Amino acid sequence: QVQLVEAGGGSVQSGGSLRLSCAATGIYFSMYRVAWYRQVPGKQREYVASSRSSGSTNYGDSAKGRFAISRDNAKNTVYLQMNNLKPEDTAVYLCNALGDIAGYYWGQGTQVTVSS
């Protein structure tokens, strides 16, 4: 059974930092594009960043210059380092895995709350 488990969310003040992690069981991240999205109630899910199996990375406009995605395939974990957080970053952050060949999975999410 495939499971993606996010961790690292919490409450921080504006300007603070958090590091989220997404750990997988049942699949090997080395064969997956792994992405972070975020969801605010009543709004469309927003793309944050992604890391391809090749190692290349991509960022949404809201993440550029502040967030960094990385992966440790040996630990089957992908990280999202978030710096200079703003109140508008408040959301549930979700991990998504898309297989190079097959497979599409979501985690349950971790809440990030940024206060001004």
Protein backbone atom coordinates (compact mmCIF):
# COMPACT_ATOMS: atom_id res chain seq x y z
CA GLN A 1 0.00 0.00 0.00
CA VAL A 2 1.33 3.38 -0.98
CA GLN A 3 1.47 6.10 1.62
CA LEU A 4 2.79 9.64 1.50
CA VAL A 5 3.17 11.23 4.91
CA GLU A 6 3.82 14.93 5.28
CA ALA A 7 5.34 16.43 8.39
CA GLY A 8 6.92 19.64 9.60
CA GLY A 9 3.97 21.99 9.49
CA GLY A 10 3.17 24.31 12.34
CA SER A 11 2.65 27.89 13.36
CA VAL A 12 5.29 30.55 12.80
CA GLN A 13 5.47 34.31 12.68
CA SER A 14 5.91 36.24 9.51
CA GLY A 15 9.52 36.04 8.35
CA GLY A 16 10.06 32.65 9.94
CA SER A 17 11.02 29.35 8.37
CA LEU A 18 9.73 25.81 8.26
CA ARG A 19 10.94 22.65 6.61
CA LEU A 20 8.31 20.24 5.43
CA SER A 21 9.00 16.62 4.63
CA CYS A 22 7.15 14.05 2.58
CA ALA A 23 8.08 10.45 3.24
CA ALA A 24 6.87 7.61 1.06
CA THR A 25 6.24 3.96 1.68
CA GLY A 26 5.26 1.51 -1.03
CA ILE A 27 6.96 3.40 -3.87
CA TYR A 28 10.44 4.65 -4.66
CA PHE A 29 10.67 8.39 -5.03
CA SER A 30 13.63 7.91 -7.34
CA MET A 31 11.11 6.94 -10.03
CA TYR A 32 8.68 9.77 -9.33
CA ARG A 33 8.18 13.45 -9.88
CA VAL A 34 7.31 14.75 -6.42
CA ALA A 35 5.52 18.03 -6.01
CA TRP A 36 4.20 20.23 -3.26
CA TYR A 37 0.83 21.93 -3.55
CA ARG A 38 -1.10 24.00 -1.08
CA GLN A 39 -4.76 24.34 -0.38
CA VAL A 40 -6.74 27.08 1.28
CA PRO A 41 -10.44 26.40 1.94
CA GLY A 42 -12.57 27.89 -0.80
CA LYS A 43 -9.65 28.40 -3.15
CA GLN A 44 -8.13 26.37 -5.95
CA ARG A 45 -5.25 24.10 -5.07
CA GLU A 46 -2.01 25.91 -5.86
CA TYR A 47 1.20 24.44 -7.24
CA VAL A 48 4.23 25.27 -5.09
CA ALA A 49 7.26 23.33 -6.32
CA SER A 50 8.34 20.05 -7.86
CA SER A 51 11.35 17.81 -8.11
CA ARG A 52 11.66 15.45 -11.06
CA SER A 53 13.33 12.07 -10.87
CA SER A 54 16.12 13.58 -12.97
CA GLY A 55 16.80 16.03 -10.16
CA SER A 56 15.51 19.09 -11.93
CA THR A 57 13.31 21.42 -9.93
CA ASN A 58 10.59 23.91 -10.70
CA TYR A 59 8.78 26.51 -8.62
CA GLY A 60 5.51 28.32 -8.68
CA ASP A 61 5.58 32.08 -8.63
CA SER A 62 4.73 32.26 -4.94
CA ALA A 63 7.70 30.06 -4.02
CA LYS A 64 10.45 31.51 -6.18
CA GLY A 65 13.29 32.96 -4.16
CA ARG A 66 11.88 31.83 -0.81
CA PHE A 67 11.28 28.08 -0.98
CA ALA A 68 13.60 25.24 -1.93
CA ILE A 69 12.63 21.69 -2.77
CA SER A 70 15.10 18.86 -2.33
CA ARG A 71 15.06 15.12 -2.21
CA ASP A 72 16.90 12.32 -0.48
CA ASN A 73 16.15 9.20 -2.47
CA ALA A 74 18.03 7.04 0.02
CA LYS A 75 15.52 8.12 2.66
CA ASN A 76 12.65 8.14 0.17
CA THR A 77 11.85 11.66 1.34
CA VAL A 78 11.31 15.02 -0.30
CA TYR A 79 11.69 18.27 1.58
CA LEU A 80 10.38 21.77 1.17
CA GLN A 81 12.42 24.44 2.92
CA MET A 82 10.30 27.54 3.33
CA ASN A 83 11.95 30.81 4.31
CA ASN A 84 10.66 34.32 4.83
CA LEU A 85 7.17 33.01 5.34
CA LYS A 86 4.23 35.37 4.90
CA PRO A 87 0.65 35.20 6.20
CA GLU A 88 -0.50 34.42 2.66
CA ASP A 89 1.52 31.20 2.82
CA THR A 90 -0.97 29.87 5.35
CA ALA A 91 -2.46 26.69 3.89
CA VAL A 92 -2.50 22.94 4.04
CA TYR A 93 0.57 21.72 2.16
CA LEU A 94 0.16 18.49 0.26
CA CYS A 95 2.67 16.15 -1.29
CA ASN A 96 2.00 14.59 -4.68
CA ALA A 97 3.89 11.83 -6.46
CA LEU A 98 3.59 11.18 -10.19
CA GLY A 99 5.39 8.11 -11.49
CA ASP A 100 7.66 8.25 -14.52
CA ILE A 101 5.78 5.24 -15.81
CA ALA A 102 2.68 4.94 -13.65
CA GLY A 103 1.27 5.92 -10.29
CA TYR A 104 -0.33 9.04 -8.90
CA TYR A 105 -0.58 9.61 -5.19
CA TRP A 106 -1.42 12.29 -2.65
CA GLY A 107 -0.60 12.69 1.00
CA GLN A 108 -3.01 13.93 3.63
CA GLY A 109 -1.32 17.28 4.08
CA THR A 110 0.26 19.30 6.85
CA GLN A 111 -1.02 22.63 8.11
CA VAL A 112 1.17 25.71 7.92
CA THR A 113 -0.02 28.84 9.69
CA VAL A 114 1.87 32.11 9.43
CA SER A 115 0.86 34.97 11.68
CA SER A 116 1.68 38.62 11.10
